[in-house]
Amino acid sequence: MAKSLLKTASLSGRTKLLHQTGLSLYSTSHGFYEEEVKKTLQQFPGGSIDLQKEDNGIGILTLNNPSRMNAFSGVMMLQLLEKVIELENWTEGKGLIVRGAKNTFSSGSDLNAVKSLGTPEGDFL
């Protein structure tokens, strides 16, 4: 059951991550190209998403960008997607704690990274 919950949560996590930037997973029907988005997000470095998997089946995911109040940089958005996929495949996983570094959870997304995905007309890709 834990695996199916994690699978459901992670699928929605991937979808939400891309929807946060106004994009859809379905590139062919919406004109969205995942590789272009990844390339754009990589231009906004800083911070990291750290995952520690404990022997007891509990994972600890740390948003680590304390100088920016743990705001998600473009690179962190991509790392989050990688960690969610890694957690999907962690068969021993029972639970996940998500925390921010240095006593701050997260101030949200780096707006420069999010804006970079928009078109001059203000619409998203």
PDB file of N, CA and C in Angstrom:
ATOM      1  N   MET A   1       0.816  -1.188   0.000  1.00  0.00           N
ATOM      2  CA  MET A   1       0.000   0.000   0.000  1.00  0.00           C
ATOM      3  C   MET A   1       0.865   1.260   0.000  1.00  0.00           C
ATOM      4  N   ALA A   2       1.920   1.242   0.809  1.00  0.00           N
ATOM      5  CA  ALA A   2       2.803   2.411   0.847  1.00  0.00           C
ATOM      6  C   ALA A   2       3.379   2.695  -0.527  1.00  0.00           C
ATOM      7  N   LYS A   3       3.718   1.624  -1.248  1.00  0.00           N
ATOM      8  CA  LYS A   3       4.292   1.821  -2.582  1.00  0.00           C
ATOM      9  C   LYS A   3       3.274   2.460  -3.519  1.00  0.00           C
ATOM     10  N   SER A   4       2.004   2.003  -3.447  1.00  0.00           N
ATOM     11  CA  SER A   4       1.002   2.583  -4.341  1.00  0.00           C
ATOM     12  C   SER A   4       0.721   4.037  -3.980  1.00  0.00           C
ATOM     13  N   LEU A   5       0.739   4.368  -2.676  1.00  0.00           N
ATOM     14  CA  LEU A   5       0.560   5.762  -2.275  1.00  0.00           C
ATOM     15  C   LEU A   5       1.706   6.620  -2.767  1.00  0.00           C
ATOM     16  N   LEU A   6       2.928   6.097  -2.625  1.00  0.00           N
ATOM     17  CA  LEU A   6       4.098   6.834  -3.087  1.00  0.00           C
ATOM     18  C   LEU A   6       4.041   7.023  -4.591  1.00  0.00           C
ATOM     19  N   LYS A   7       3.610   5.971  -5.295  1.00  0.00           N
ATOM     20  CA  LYS A   7       3.538   6.057  -6.748  1.00  0.00           C
ATOM     21  C   LYS A   7       2.526   7.120  -7.166  1.00  0.00           C
ATOM     22  N   THR A   8       1.358   7.127  -6.512  1.00  0.00           N
ATOM     23  CA  THR A   8       0.341   8.119  -6.821  1.00  0.00           C
ATOM     24  C   THR A   8       0.835   9.517  -6.482  1.00  0.00           C
ATOM     25  N   ALA A   9       1.439   9.653  -5.313  1.00  0.00           N
ATOM     26  CA  ALA A   9       1.937  10.963  -4.892  1.00  0.00           C
ATOM     27  C   ALA A   9       3.035  11.452  -5.819  1.00  0.00           C
ATOM     28  N   SER A  10       3.917  10.554  -6.229  1.00  0.00           N
ATOM     29  CA  SER A  10       5.029  10.987  -7.065  1.00  0.00           C
ATOM     30  C   SER A  10       4.567  11.349  -8.464  1.00  0.00           C
ATOM     31  N   LEU A  11       3.582  10.650  -8.976  1.00  0.00           N
ATOM     32  CA  LEU A  11       3.062  11.008 -10.289  1.00  0.00           C
ATOM     33  C   LEU A  11       2.465  12.405 -10.232  1.00  0.00           C
ATOM     34  N   SER A  12       1.672  12.651  -9.198  1.00  0.00           N
ATOM     35  CA  SER A  12       1.109  13.988  -9.089  1.00  0.00           C
ATOM     36  C   SER A  12       2.209  15.004  -8.799  1.00  0.00           C
ATOM     37  N   GLY A  13       3.275  14.582  -8.115  1.00  0.00           N
ATOM     38  CA  GLY A  13       4.400  15.476  -7.850  1.00  0.00           C
ATOM     39  C   GLY A  13       5.073  15.908  -9.129  1.00  0.00           C
ATOM     40  N   ARG A  14       5.289  14.954 -10.031  1.00  0.00           N
ATOM     41  CA  ARG A  14       5.899  15.303 -11.317  1.00  0.00           C
ATOM     42  C   ARG A  14       4.997  16.245 -12.085  1.00  0.00           C
ATOM     43  N   THR A  15       3.707  15.930 -12.102  1.00  0.00           N
ATOM     44  CA  THR A  15       2.765  16.767 -12.820  1.00  0.00           C
ATOM     45  C   THR A  15       2.723  18.160 -12.210  1.00  0.00           C
ATOM     46  N   LYS A  16       2.663  18.232 -10.870  1.00  0.00           N
ATOM     47  CA  LYS A  16       2.607  19.534 -10.204  1.00  0.00           C
ATOM     48  C   LYS A  16       3.871  20.335 -10.446  1.00  0.00           C
ATOM     49  N   LEU A  17       5.020  19.678 -10.465  1.00  0.00           N
ATOM     50  CA  LEU A  17       6.272  20.389 -10.695  1.00  0.00           C
ATOM     51  C   LEU A  17       6.253  21.074 -12.054  1.00  0.00           C
ATOM     52  N   LEU A  18       5.780  20.370 -13.060  1.00  0.00           N
ATOM     53  CA  LEU A  18       5.718  20.974 -14.388  1.00  0.00           C
ATOM     54  C   LEU A  18       4.563  21.971 -14.489  1.00  0.00           C
ATOM     55  N   HIS A  19       3.456  21.687 -13.812  1.00  0.00           N
ATOM     56  CA  HIS A  19       2.339  22.629 -13.839  1.00  0.00           C
ATOM     57  C   HIS A  19       2.675  23.899 -13.077  1.00  0.00           C
ATOM     58  N   GLN A  20       3.548  23.797 -12.073  1.00  0.00           N
ATOM     59  CA  GLN A  20       3.978  24.978 -11.328  1.00  0.00           C
ATOM     60  C   GLN A  20       4.601  25.980 -12.286  1.00  0.00           C
ATOM     61  N   THR A  21       5.241  25.479 -13.306  1.00  0.00           N
ATOM     62  CA  THR A  21       5.842  26.359 -14.297  1.00  0.00           C
ATOM     63  C   THR A  21       4.893  26.589 -15.474  1.00  0.00           C
ATOM     64  N   GLY A  22       3.643  26.129 -15.340  1.00  0.00           N
ATOM     65  CA  GLY A  22       2.646  26.360 -16.366  1.00  0.00           C
ATOM     66  C   GLY A  22       2.734  25.386 -17.523  1.00  0.00           C
ATOM     67  N   LEU A  23       3.378  24.265 -17.310  1.00  0.00           N
ATOM     68  CA  LEU A  23       3.592  23.327 -18.394  1.00  0.00           C
ATOM     69  C   LEU A  23       2.863  22.022 -18.150  1.00  0.00           C
ATOM     70  N   SER A  24       2.707  21.257 -19.185  1.00  0.00           N
ATOM     71  CA  SER A  24       2.048  19.971 -19.101  1.00  0.00           C
ATOM     72  C   SER A  24       3.024  18.871 -19.473  1.00  0.00           C
ATOM     73  N   LEU A  25       2.789  17.681 -18.961  1.00  0.00           N
ATOM     74  CA  LEU A  25       3.623  16.542 -19.328  1.00  0.00           C
ATOM     75  C   LEU A  25       3.396  16.110 -20.771  1.00  0.00           C
ATOM     76  N   TYR A  26       2.266  16.467 -21.334  1.00  0.00           N
ATOM     77  CA  TYR A  26       1.885  15.978 -22.647  1.00  0.00           C
ATOM     78  C   TYR A  26       2.372  16.925 -23.736  1.00  0.00           C
ATOM     79  N   SER A  27       3.640  16.799 -24.076  1.00  0.00           N
ATOM     80  CA  SER A  27       4.289  17.759 -24.958  1.00  0.00           C
ATOM     81  C   SER A  27       3.713  17.786 -26.366  1.00  0.00           C
ATOM     82  N   THR A  28       3.350  16.653 -26.895  1.00  0.00           N
ATOM     83  CA  THR A  28       2.914  16.650 -28.289  1.00  0.00           C
ATOM     84  C   THR A  28       1.584  17.365 -28.473  1.00  0.00           C
ATOM     85  N   SER A  29       0.708  17.311 -27.489  1.00  0.00           N
ATOM     86  CA  SER A  29      -0.590  17.957 -27.658  1.00  0.00           C
ATOM     87  C   SER A  29      -0.586  19.422 -27.229  1.00  0.00           C
ATOM     88  N   HIS A  30       0.435  19.855 -26.473  1.00  0.00           N
ATOM     89  CA  HIS A  30       0.463  21.233 -25.987  1.00  0.00           C
ATOM     90  C   HIS A  30       1.664  22.020 -26.498  1.00  0.00           C
ATOM     91  N   GLY A  31       2.488  21.423 -27.340  1.00  0.00           N
ATOM     92  CA  GLY A  31       3.641  22.129 -27.854  1.00  0.00           C
ATOM     93  C   GLY A  31       4.750  22.324 -26.836  1.00  0.00           C
ATOM     94  N   PHE A  32       4.789  21.504 -25.820  1.00  0.00           N
ATOM     95  CA  PHE A  32       5.779  21.606 -24.746  1.00  0.00           C
ATOM     96  C   PHE A  32       6.858  20.560 -24.969  1.00  0.00           C
ATOM     97  N   TYR A  33       8.088  20.968 -24.864  1.00  0.00           N
ATOM     98  CA  TYR A  33       9.203  20.054 -25.068  1.00  0.00           C
ATOM     99  C   TYR A  33      10.029  19.989 -23.796  1.00  0.00           C
ATOM    100  N   GLU A  34       9.990  18.851 -23.143  1.00  0.00           N
ATOM    101  CA  GLU A  34      10.625  18.674 -21.837  1.00  0.00           C
ATOM    102  C   GLU A  34      12.113  19.000 -21.857  1.00  0.00           C
ATOM    103  N   GLU A  35      12.814  18.617 -22.901  1.00  0.00           N
ATOM    104  CA  GLU A  35      14.260  18.871 -22.958  1.00  0.00           C
ATOM    105  C   GLU A  35      14.570  20.367 -22.997  1.00  0.00           C
ATOM    106  N   GLU A  36      13.741  21.136 -23.680  1.00  0.00           N
ATOM    107  CA  GLU A  36      13.950  22.589 -23.719  1.00  0.00           C
ATOM    108  C   GLU A  36      13.733  23.211 -22.346  1.00  0.00           C
ATOM    109  N   VAL A  37      12.723  22.727 -21.640  1.00  0.00           N
ATOM    110  CA  VAL A  37      12.456  23.234 -20.295  1.00  0.00           C
ATOM    111  C   VAL A  37      13.623  22.895 -19.376  1.00  0.00           C
ATOM    112  N   LYS A  38      14.124  21.664 -19.453  1.00  0.00           N
ATOM    113  CA  LYS A  38      15.266  21.263 -18.625  1.00  0.00           C
ATOM    114  C   LYS A  38      16.478  22.140 -18.916  1.00  0.00           C
ATOM    115  N   LYS A  39      16.727  22.388 -20.179  1.00  0.00           N
ATOM    116  CA  LYS A  39      17.869  23.218 -20.576  1.00  0.00           C
ATOM    117  C   LYS A  39      17.729  24.632 -20.010  1.00  0.00           C
ATOM    118  N   THR A  40      16.533  25.171 -20.057  1.00  0.00           N
ATOM    119  CA  THR A  40      16.286  26.508 -19.523  1.00  0.00           C
ATOM    120  C   THR A  40      16.464  26.534 -18.011  1.00  0.00           C
ATOM    121  N   LEU A  41      15.912  25.545 -17.309  1.00  0.00           N
ATOM    122  CA  LEU A  41      16.011  25.514 -15.850  1.00  0.00           C
ATOM    123  C   LEU A  41      17.450  25.348 -15.374  1.00  0.00           C
ATOM    124  N   GLN A  42      18.274  24.664 -16.152  1.00  0.00           N
ATOM    125  CA  GLN A  42      19.678  24.469 -15.775  1.00  0.00           C
ATOM    126  C   GLN A  42      20.456  25.784 -15.762  1.00  0.00           C
ATOM    127  N   GLN A  43      19.911  26.817 -16.367  1.00  0.00           N
ATOM    128  CA  GLN A  43      20.570  28.123 -16.384  1.00  0.00           C
ATOM    129  C   GLN A  43      20.418  28.862 -15.055  1.00  0.00           C
ATOM    130  N   PHE A  44      19.668  28.274 -14.117  1.00  0.00           N
ATOM    131  CA  PHE A  44      19.423  28.891 -12.818  1.00  0.00           C
ATOM    132  C   PHE A  44      19.945  27.973 -11.721  1.00  0.00           C
ATOM    133  N   PRO A  45      21.272  28.030 -11.479  1.00  0.00           N
ATOM    134  CA  PRO A  45      21.888  27.144 -10.489  1.00  0.00           C
ATOM    135  C   PRO A  45      21.649  27.640  -9.062  1.00  0.00           C
ATOM    136  N   GLY A  46      22.095  26.823  -8.139  1.00  0.00           N
ATOM    137  CA  GLY A  46      22.029  27.187  -6.728  1.00  0.00           C
ATOM    138  C   GLY A  46      21.231  26.187  -5.942  1.00  0.00           C
ATOM    139  N   GLY A  47      21.732  25.860  -4.770  1.00  0.00           N
ATOM    140  CA  GLY A  47      21.027  24.946  -3.888  1.00  0.00           C
ATOM    141  C   GLY A  47      21.053  23.516  -4.378  1.00  0.00           C
ATOM    142  N   SER A  48      20.414  22.670  -3.605  1.00  0.00           N
ATOM    143  CA  SER A  48      20.330  21.251  -3.965  1.00  0.00           C
ATOM    144  C   SER A  48      19.134  20.621  -3.266  1.00  0.00           C
ATOM    145  N   ILE A  49      18.727  19.492  -3.779  1.00  0.00           N
ATOM    146  CA  ILE A  49      17.720  18.648  -3.140  1.00  0.00           C
ATOM    147  C   ILE A  49      18.469  17.414  -2.672  1.00  0.00           C
ATOM    148  N   ASP A  50      18.520  17.224  -1.367  1.00  0.00           N
ATOM    149  CA  ASP A  50      19.274  16.115  -0.796  1.00  0.00           C
ATOM    150  C   ASP A  50      18.307  15.057  -0.280  1.00  0.00           C
ATOM    151  N   LEU A  51      18.589  13.804  -0.590  1.00  0.00           N
ATOM    152  CA  LEU A  51      17.748  12.692  -0.151  1.00  0.00           C
ATOM    153  C   LEU A  51      18.585  11.719   0.650  1.00  0.00           C
ATOM    154  N   GLN A  52      18.110  11.437   1.835  1.00  0.00           N
ATOM    155  CA  GLN A  52      18.755  10.455   2.699  1.00  0.00           C
ATOM    156  C   GLN A  52      17.730   9.352   2.944  1.00  0.00           C
ATOM    157  N   LYS A  53      18.092   8.117   2.606  1.00  0.00           N
ATOM    158  CA  LYS A  53      17.195   6.981   2.820  1.00  0.00           C
ATOM    159  C   LYS A  53      17.686   6.201   4.031  1.00  0.00           C
ATOM    160  N   GLU A  54      16.859   6.151   5.054  1.00  0.00           N
ATOM    161  CA  GLU A  54      17.212   5.462   6.293  1.00  0.00           C
ATOM    162  C   GLU A  54      16.908   3.972   6.174  1.00  0.00           C
ATOM    163  N   ASP A  55      17.597   3.169   6.977  1.00  0.00           N
ATOM    164  CA  ASP A  55      17.381   1.720   6.978  1.00  0.00           C
ATOM    165  C   ASP A  55      15.970   1.343   7.413  1.00  0.00           C
ATOM    166  N   ASN A  56      15.304   2.208   8.177  1.00  0.00           N
ATOM    167  CA  ASN A  56      13.955   1.910   8.655  1.00  0.00           C
ATOM    168  C   ASN A  56      12.875   2.225   7.619  1.00  0.00           C
ATOM    169  N   GLY A  57      13.259   2.620   6.407  1.00  0.00           N
ATOM    170  CA  GLY A  57      12.302   2.887   5.343  1.00  0.00           C
ATOM    171  C   GLY A  57      11.800   4.319   5.295  1.00  0.00           C
ATOM    172  N   ILE A  58      12.363   5.174   6.122  1.00  0.00           N
ATOM    173  CA  ILE A  58      11.963   6.582   6.127  1.00  0.00           C
ATOM    174  C   ILE A  58      12.981   7.386   5.321  1.00  0.00           C
ATOM    175  N   GLY A  59      12.481   8.176   4.404  1.00  0.00           N
ATOM    176  CA  GLY A  59      13.339   9.052   3.617  1.00  0.00           C
ATOM    177  C   GLY A  59      13.276  10.470   4.163  1.00  0.00           C
ATOM    178  N   ILE A  60      14.379  11.179   4.066  1.00  0.00           N
ATOM    179  CA  ILE A  60      14.423  12.583   4.476  1.00  0.00           C
ATOM    180  C   ILE A  60      14.883  13.392   3.266  1.00  0.00           C
ATOM    181  N   LEU A  61      13.995  14.219   2.772  1.00  0.00           N
ATOM    182  CA  LEU A  61      14.271  15.062   1.613  1.00  0.00           C
ATOM    183  C   LEU A  61      14.500  16.485   2.129  1.00  0.00           C
ATOM    184  N   THR A  62      15.677  17.026   1.854  1.00  0.00           N
ATOM    185  CA  THR A  62      16.024  18.351   2.367  1.00  0.00           C
ATOM    186  C   THR A  62      16.157  19.348   1.220  1.00  0.00           C
ATOM    187  N   LEU A  63      15.413  20.436   1.326  1.00  0.00           N
ATOM    188  CA  LEU A  63      15.537  21.557   0.396  1.00  0.00           C
ATOM    189  C   LEU A  63      16.703  22.385   0.910  1.00  0.00           C
ATOM    190  N   ASN A  64      17.777  22.452   0.140  1.00  0.00           N
ATOM    191  CA  ASN A  64      19.017  23.028   0.645  1.00  0.00           C
ATOM    192  C   ASN A  64      19.458  24.219  -0.213  1.00  0.00           C
ATOM    193  N   ASN A  65      18.926  25.370   0.126  1.00  0.00           N
ATOM    194  CA  ASN A  65      19.322  26.626  -0.512  1.00  0.00           C
ATOM    195  C   ASN A  65      19.111  27.750   0.512  1.00  0.00           C
ATOM    196  N   PRO A  66      19.765  27.628   1.677  1.00  0.00           N
ATOM    197  CA  PRO A  66      19.455  28.527   2.791  1.00  0.00           C
ATOM    198  C   PRO A  66      19.721  30.007   2.515  1.00  0.00           C
ATOM    199  N   SER A  67      20.649  30.329   1.643  1.00  0.00           N
ATOM    200  CA  SER A  67      20.919  31.745   1.364  1.00  0.00           C
ATOM    201  C   SER A  67      19.744  32.413   0.658  1.00  0.00           C
ATOM    202  N   ARG A  68      18.862  31.617   0.066  1.00  0.00           N
ATOM    203  CA  ARG A  68      17.668  32.137  -0.625  1.00  0.00           C
ATOM    204  C   ARG A  68      16.397  31.650   0.060  1.00  0.00           C
ATOM    205  N   MET A  69      16.498  31.360   1.356  1.00  0.00           N
ATOM    206  CA  MET A  69      15.377  30.825   2.142  1.00  0.00           C
ATOM    207  C   MET A  69      14.806  29.561   1.492  1.00  0.00           C
ATOM    208  N   ASN A  70      15.698  28.741   0.961  1.00  0.00           N
ATOM    209  CA  ASN A  70      15.373  27.465   0.335  1.00  0.00           C
ATOM    210  C   ASN A  70      14.420  27.593  -0.852  1.00  0.00           C
ATOM    211  N   ALA A  71      14.481  28.725  -1.539  1.00  0.00           N
ATOM    212  CA  ALA A  71      13.699  28.891  -2.765  1.00  0.00           C
ATOM    213  C   ALA A  71      14.203  27.888  -3.797  1.00  0.00           C
ATOM    214  N   PHE A  72      13.282  27.338  -4.562  1.00  0.00           N
ATOM    215  CA  PHE A  72      13.632  26.369  -5.598  1.00  0.00           C
ATOM    216  C   PHE A  72      14.283  27.076  -6.775  1.00  0.00           C
ATOM    217  N   SER A  73      15.553  26.812  -7.009  1.00  0.00           N
ATOM    218  CA  SER A  73      16.217  27.291  -8.223  1.00  0.00           C
ATOM    219  C   SER A  73      15.795  26.374  -9.369  1.00  0.00           C
ATOM    220  N   GLY A  74      16.152  26.736 -10.581  1.00  0.00           N
ATOM    221  CA  GLY A  74      15.846  25.871 -11.719  1.00  0.00           C
ATOM    222  C   GLY A  74      16.473  24.501 -11.572  1.00  0.00           C
ATOM    223  N   VAL A  75      17.734  24.462 -11.145  1.00  0.00           N
ATOM    224  CA  VAL A  75      18.430  23.185 -10.957  1.00  0.00           C
ATOM    225  C   VAL A  75      17.742  22.364  -9.872  1.00  0.00           C
ATOM    226  N   MET A  76      17.288  23.019  -8.809  1.00  0.00           N
ATOM    227  CA  MET A  76      16.598  22.294  -7.739  1.00  0.00           C
ATOM    228  C   MET A  76      15.286  21.689  -8.230  1.00  0.00           C
ATOM    229  N   MET A  77      14.589  22.389  -9.124  1.00  0.00           N
ATOM    230  CA  MET A  77      13.347  21.837  -9.682  1.00  0.00           C
ATOM    231  C   MET A  77      13.637  20.534 -10.414  1.00  0.00           C
ATOM    232  N   LEU A  78      14.728  20.530 -11.171  1.00  0.00           N
ATOM    233  CA  LEU A  78      15.109  19.315 -11.898  1.00  0.00           C
ATOM    234  C   LEU A  78      15.553  18.216 -10.940  1.00  0.00           C
ATOM    235  N   GLN A  79      16.292  18.589  -9.901  1.00  0.00           N
ATOM    236  CA  GLN A  79      16.730  17.600  -8.918  1.00  0.00           C
ATOM    237  C   GLN A  79      15.540  17.006  -8.172  1.00  0.00           C
ATOM    238  N   LEU A  80      14.533  17.823  -7.884  1.00  0.00           N
ATOM    239  CA  LEU A  80      13.341  17.313  -7.208  1.00  0.00           C
ATOM    240  C   LEU A  80      12.673  16.238  -8.055  1.00  0.00           C
ATOM    241  N   LEU A  81      12.569  16.481  -9.337  1.00  0.00           N
ATOM    242  CA  LEU A  81      11.991  15.483 -10.231  1.00  0.00           C
ATOM    243  C   LEU A  81      12.789  14.184 -10.175  1.00  0.00           C
ATOM    244  N   GLU A  82      14.117  14.272 -10.194  1.00  0.00           N
ATOM    245  CA  GLU A  82      14.970  13.079 -10.107  1.00  0.00           C
ATOM    246  C   GLU A  82      14.756  12.337  -8.793  1.00  0.00           C
ATOM    247  N   LYS A  83      14.646  13.075  -7.694  1.00  0.00           N
ATOM    248  CA  LYS A  83      14.465  12.445  -6.380  1.00  0.00           C
ATOM    249  C   LYS A  83      13.105  11.776  -6.276  1.00  0.00           C
ATOM    250  N   VAL A  84      12.079  12.382  -6.850  1.00  0.00           N
ATOM    251  CA  VAL A  84      10.750  11.775  -6.838  1.00  0.00           C
ATOM    252  C   VAL A  84      10.776  10.460  -7.604  1.00  0.00           C
ATOM    253  N   ILE A  85      11.446  10.439  -8.741  1.00  0.00           N
ATOM    254  CA  ILE A  85      11.562   9.202  -9.518  1.00  0.00           C
ATOM    255  C   ILE A  85      12.343   8.157  -8.726  1.00  0.00           C
ATOM    256  N   GLU A  86      13.414   8.588  -8.048  1.00  0.00           N
ATOM    257  CA  GLU A  86      14.190   7.669  -7.212  1.00  0.00           C
ATOM    258  C   GLU A  86      13.316   7.081  -6.098  1.00  0.00           C
ATOM    259  N   LEU A  87      12.484   7.916  -5.489  1.00  0.00           N
ATOM    260  CA  LEU A  87      11.597   7.439  -4.425  1.00  0.00           C
ATOM    261  C   LEU A  87      10.540   6.481  -4.958  1.00  0.00           C
ATOM    262  N   GLU A  88      10.084   6.703  -6.174  1.00  0.00           N
ATOM    263  CA  GLU A  88       9.125   5.780  -6.793  1.00  0.00           C
ATOM    264  C   GLU A  88       9.671   4.363  -6.837  1.00  0.00           C
ATOM    265  N   ASN A  89      10.951   4.248  -7.065  1.00  0.00           N
ATOM    266  CA  ASN A  89      11.580   2.938  -7.226  1.00  0.00           C
ATOM    267  C   ASN A  89      12.149   2.379  -5.931  1.00  0.00           C
ATOM    268  N   TRP A  90      12.016   3.082  -4.829  1.00  0.00           N
ATOM    269  CA  TRP A  90      12.525   2.638  -3.533  1.00  0.00           C
ATOM    270  C   TRP A  90      11.486   1.729  -2.891  1.00  0.00           C
ATOM    271  N   THR A  91      11.624   0.445  -3.107  1.00  0.00           N
ATOM    272  CA  THR A  91      10.624  -0.520  -2.643  1.00  0.00           C
ATOM    273  C   THR A  91      10.561  -0.631  -1.124  1.00  0.00           C
ATOM    274  N   GLU A  92      11.632  -0.280  -0.428  1.00  0.00           N
ATOM    275  CA  GLU A  92      11.647  -0.358   1.033  1.00  0.00           C
ATOM    276  C   GLU A  92      11.071   0.898   1.688  1.00  0.00           C
ATOM    277  N   GLY A  93      10.734   1.901   0.882  1.00  0.00           N
ATOM    278  CA  GLY A  93      10.255   3.172   1.421  1.00  0.00           C
ATOM    279  C   GLY A  93       8.896   3.049   2.080  1.00  0.00           C
ATOM    280  N   LYS A  94       8.782   3.624   3.281  1.00  0.00           N
ATOM    281  CA  LYS A  94       7.530   3.603   4.044  1.00  0.00           C
ATOM    282  C   LYS A  94       6.986   5.006   4.290  1.00  0.00           C
ATOM    283  N   GLY A  95       7.858   5.986   4.289  1.00  0.00           N
ATOM    284  CA  GLY A  95       7.436   7.353   4.575  1.00  0.00           C
ATOM    285  C   GLY A  95       8.501   8.346   4.161  1.00  0.00           C
ATOM    286  N   LEU A  96       8.115   9.602   4.119  1.00  0.00           N
ATOM    287  CA  LEU A  96       9.033  10.647   3.683  1.00  0.00           C
ATOM    288  C   LEU A  96       8.834  11.892   4.538  1.00  0.00           C
ATOM    289  N   ILE A  97       9.933  12.444   5.003  1.00  0.00           N
ATOM    290  CA  ILE A  97       9.934  13.723   5.709  1.00  0.00           C
ATOM    291  C   ILE A  97      10.558  14.741   4.756  1.00  0.00           C
ATOM    292  N   VAL A  98       9.849  15.831   4.516  1.00  0.00           N
ATOM    293  CA  VAL A  98      10.375  16.903   3.667  1.00  0.00           C
ATOM    294  C   VAL A  98      10.669  18.088   4.581  1.00  0.00           C
ATOM    295  N   ARG A  99      11.896  18.580   4.500  1.00  0.00           N
ATOM    296  CA  ARG A  99      12.295  19.677   5.383  1.00  0.00           C
ATOM    297  C   ARG A  99      13.174  20.660   4.629  1.00  0.00           C
ATOM    298  N   GLY A 100      13.296  21.833   5.180  1.00  0.00           N
ATOM    299  CA  GLY A 100      14.184  22.842   4.629  1.00  0.00           C
ATOM    300  C   GLY A 100      15.425  22.972   5.487  1.00  0.00           C
ATOM    301  N   ALA A 101      16.514  23.366   4.878  1.00  0.00           N
ATOM    302  CA  ALA A 101      17.770  23.563   5.604  1.00  0.00           C
ATOM    303  C   ALA A 101      17.699  24.836   6.448  1.00  0.00           C
ATOM    304  N   LYS A 102      18.451  24.865   7.530  1.00  0.00           N
ATOM    305  CA  LYS A 102      18.642  26.058   8.381  1.00  0.00           C
ATOM    306  C   LYS A 102      17.334  26.651   8.908  1.00  0.00           C
ATOM    307  N   ASN A 103      16.443  25.805   9.411  1.00  0.00           N
ATOM    308  CA  ASN A 103      15.221  26.252  10.104  1.00  0.00           C
ATOM    309  C   ASN A 103      14.237  27.035   9.238  1.00  0.00           C
ATOM    310  N   THR A 104      14.318  26.900   7.928  1.00  0.00           N
ATOM    311  CA  THR A 104      13.353  27.525   7.020  1.00  0.00           C
ATOM    312  C   THR A 104      12.867  26.453   6.066  1.00  0.00           C
ATOM    313  N   PHE A 105      11.547  26.350   5.872  1.00  0.00           N
ATOM    314  CA  PHE A 105      11.072  25.328   4.944  1.00  0.00           C
ATOM    315  C   PHE A 105      11.395  25.752   3.520  1.00  0.00           C
ATOM    316  N   SER A 106      10.619  26.637   2.931  1.00  0.00           N
ATOM    317  CA  SER A 106      10.888  27.104   1.568  1.00  0.00           C
ATOM    318  C   SER A 106      10.102  28.380   1.308  1.00  0.00           C
ATOM    319  N   SER A 107      10.745  29.319   0.652  1.00  0.00           N
ATOM    320  CA  SER A 107      10.060  30.559   0.283  1.00  0.00           C
ATOM    321  C   SER A 107       9.364  30.434  -1.067  1.00  0.00           C
ATOM    322  N   GLY A 108       9.422  29.259  -1.690  1.00  0.00           N
ATOM    323  CA  GLY A 108       8.759  29.032  -2.970  1.00  0.00           C
ATOM    324  C   GLY A 108       9.755  28.849  -4.094  1.00  0.00           C
ATOM    325  N   SER A 109       9.359  29.248  -5.278  1.00  0.00           N
ATOM    326  CA  SER A 109      10.217  29.098  -6.454  1.00  0.00           C
ATOM    327  C   SER A 109      10.984  30.379  -6.739  1.00  0.00           C
ATOM    328  N   ASP A 110      12.146  30.226  -7.327  1.00  0.00           N
ATOM    329  CA  ASP A 110      12.907  31.365  -7.829  1.00  0.00           C
ATOM    330  C   ASP A 110      12.114  31.919  -9.007  1.00  0.00           C
ATOM    331  N   LEU A 111      11.567  33.098  -8.849  1.00  0.00           N
ATOM    332  CA  LEU A 111      10.691  33.652  -9.886  1.00  0.00           C
ATOM    333  C   LEU A 111      11.415  33.901 -11.198  1.00  0.00           C
ATOM    334  N   ASN A 112      12.708  34.145 -11.155  1.00  0.00           N
ATOM    335  CA  ASN A 112      13.462  34.314 -12.403  1.00  0.00           C
ATOM    336  C   ASN A 112      13.456  33.025 -13.213  1.00  0.00           C
ATOM    337  N   ALA A 113      13.576  31.888 -12.539  1.00  0.00           N
ATOM    338  CA  ALA A 113      13.542  30.599 -13.240  1.00  0.00           C
ATOM    339  C   ALA A 113      12.166  30.360 -13.838  1.00  0.00           C
ATOM    340  N   VAL A 114      11.125  30.664 -13.077  1.00  0.00           N
ATOM    341  CA  VAL A 114       9.761  30.461 -13.571  1.00  0.00           C
ATOM    342  C   VAL A 114       9.479  31.391 -14.746  1.00  0.00           C
ATOM    343  N   LYS A 115       9.864  32.659 -14.620  1.00  0.00           N
ATOM    344  CA  LYS A 115       9.629  33.629 -15.700  1.00  0.00           C
ATOM    345  C   LYS A 115      10.362  33.247 -16.978  1.00  0.00           C
ATOM    346  N   SER A 116      11.508  32.599 -16.843  1.00  0.00           N
ATOM    347  CA  SER A 116      12.294  32.240 -18.027  1.00  0.00           C
ATOM    348  C   SER A 116      11.571  31.247 -18.923  1.00  0.00           C
ATOM    349  N   LEU A 117      10.578  30.586 -18.377  1.00  0.00           N
ATOM    350  CA  LEU A 117       9.837  29.605 -19.164  1.00  0.00           C
ATOM    351  C   LEU A 117       8.699  30.236 -19.952  1.00  0.00           C
ATOM    352  N   GLY A 118       8.434  31.503 -19.727  1.00  0.00           N
ATOM    353  CA  GLY A 118       7.352  32.183 -20.416  1.00  0.00           C
ATOM    354  C   GLY A 118       7.773  32.700 -21.778  1.00  0.00           C
ATOM    355  N   THR A 119       6.776  33.001 -22.585  1.00  0.00           N
ATOM    356  CA  THR A 119       7.014  33.592 -23.901  1.00  0.00           C
ATOM    357  C   THR A 119       6.912  35.109 -23.774  1.00  0.00           C
ATOM    358  N   PRO A 120       7.353  35.861 -24.769  1.00  0.00           N
ATOM    359  CA  PRO A 120       7.228  37.322 -24.715  1.00  0.00           C
ATOM    360  C   PRO A 120       5.783  37.788 -24.546  1.00  0.00           C
ATOM    361  N   GLU A 121       4.824  36.997 -24.994  1.00  0.00           N
ATOM    362  CA  GLU A 121       3.416  37.366 -24.870  1.00  0.00           C
ATOM    363  C   GLU A 121       2.886  37.118 -23.470  1.00  0.00           C
ATOM    364  N   GLY A 122       3.698  36.494 -22.611  1.00  0.00           N
ATOM    365  CA  GLY A 122       3.255  36.232 -21.249  1.00  0.00           C
ATOM    366  C   GLY A 122       2.663  34.852 -21.059  1.00  0.00           C
ATOM    367  N   ASP A 123       2.485  34.117 -22.142  1.00  0.00           N
ATOM    368  CA  ASP A 123       1.978  32.758 -22.028  1.00  0.00           C
ATOM    369  C   ASP A 123       3.144  31.827 -21.768  1.00  0.00           C
ATOM    370  N   PHE A 124       2.839  30.686 -21.224  1.00  0.00           N
ATOM    371  CA  PHE A 124       3.882  29.688 -21.019  1.00  0.00           C
ATOM    372  C   PHE A 124       4.056  28.873 -22.282  1.00  0.00           C
ATOM    373  N   LEU A 125       5.227  28.238 -22.382  1.00  0.00           N
ATOM    374  CA  LEU A 125       5.537  27.394 -23.548  1.00  0.00           C
ATOM    375  C   LEU A 125       4.440  26.418 -23.828  1.00  0.00           C
TER     376      LEU A 125
END
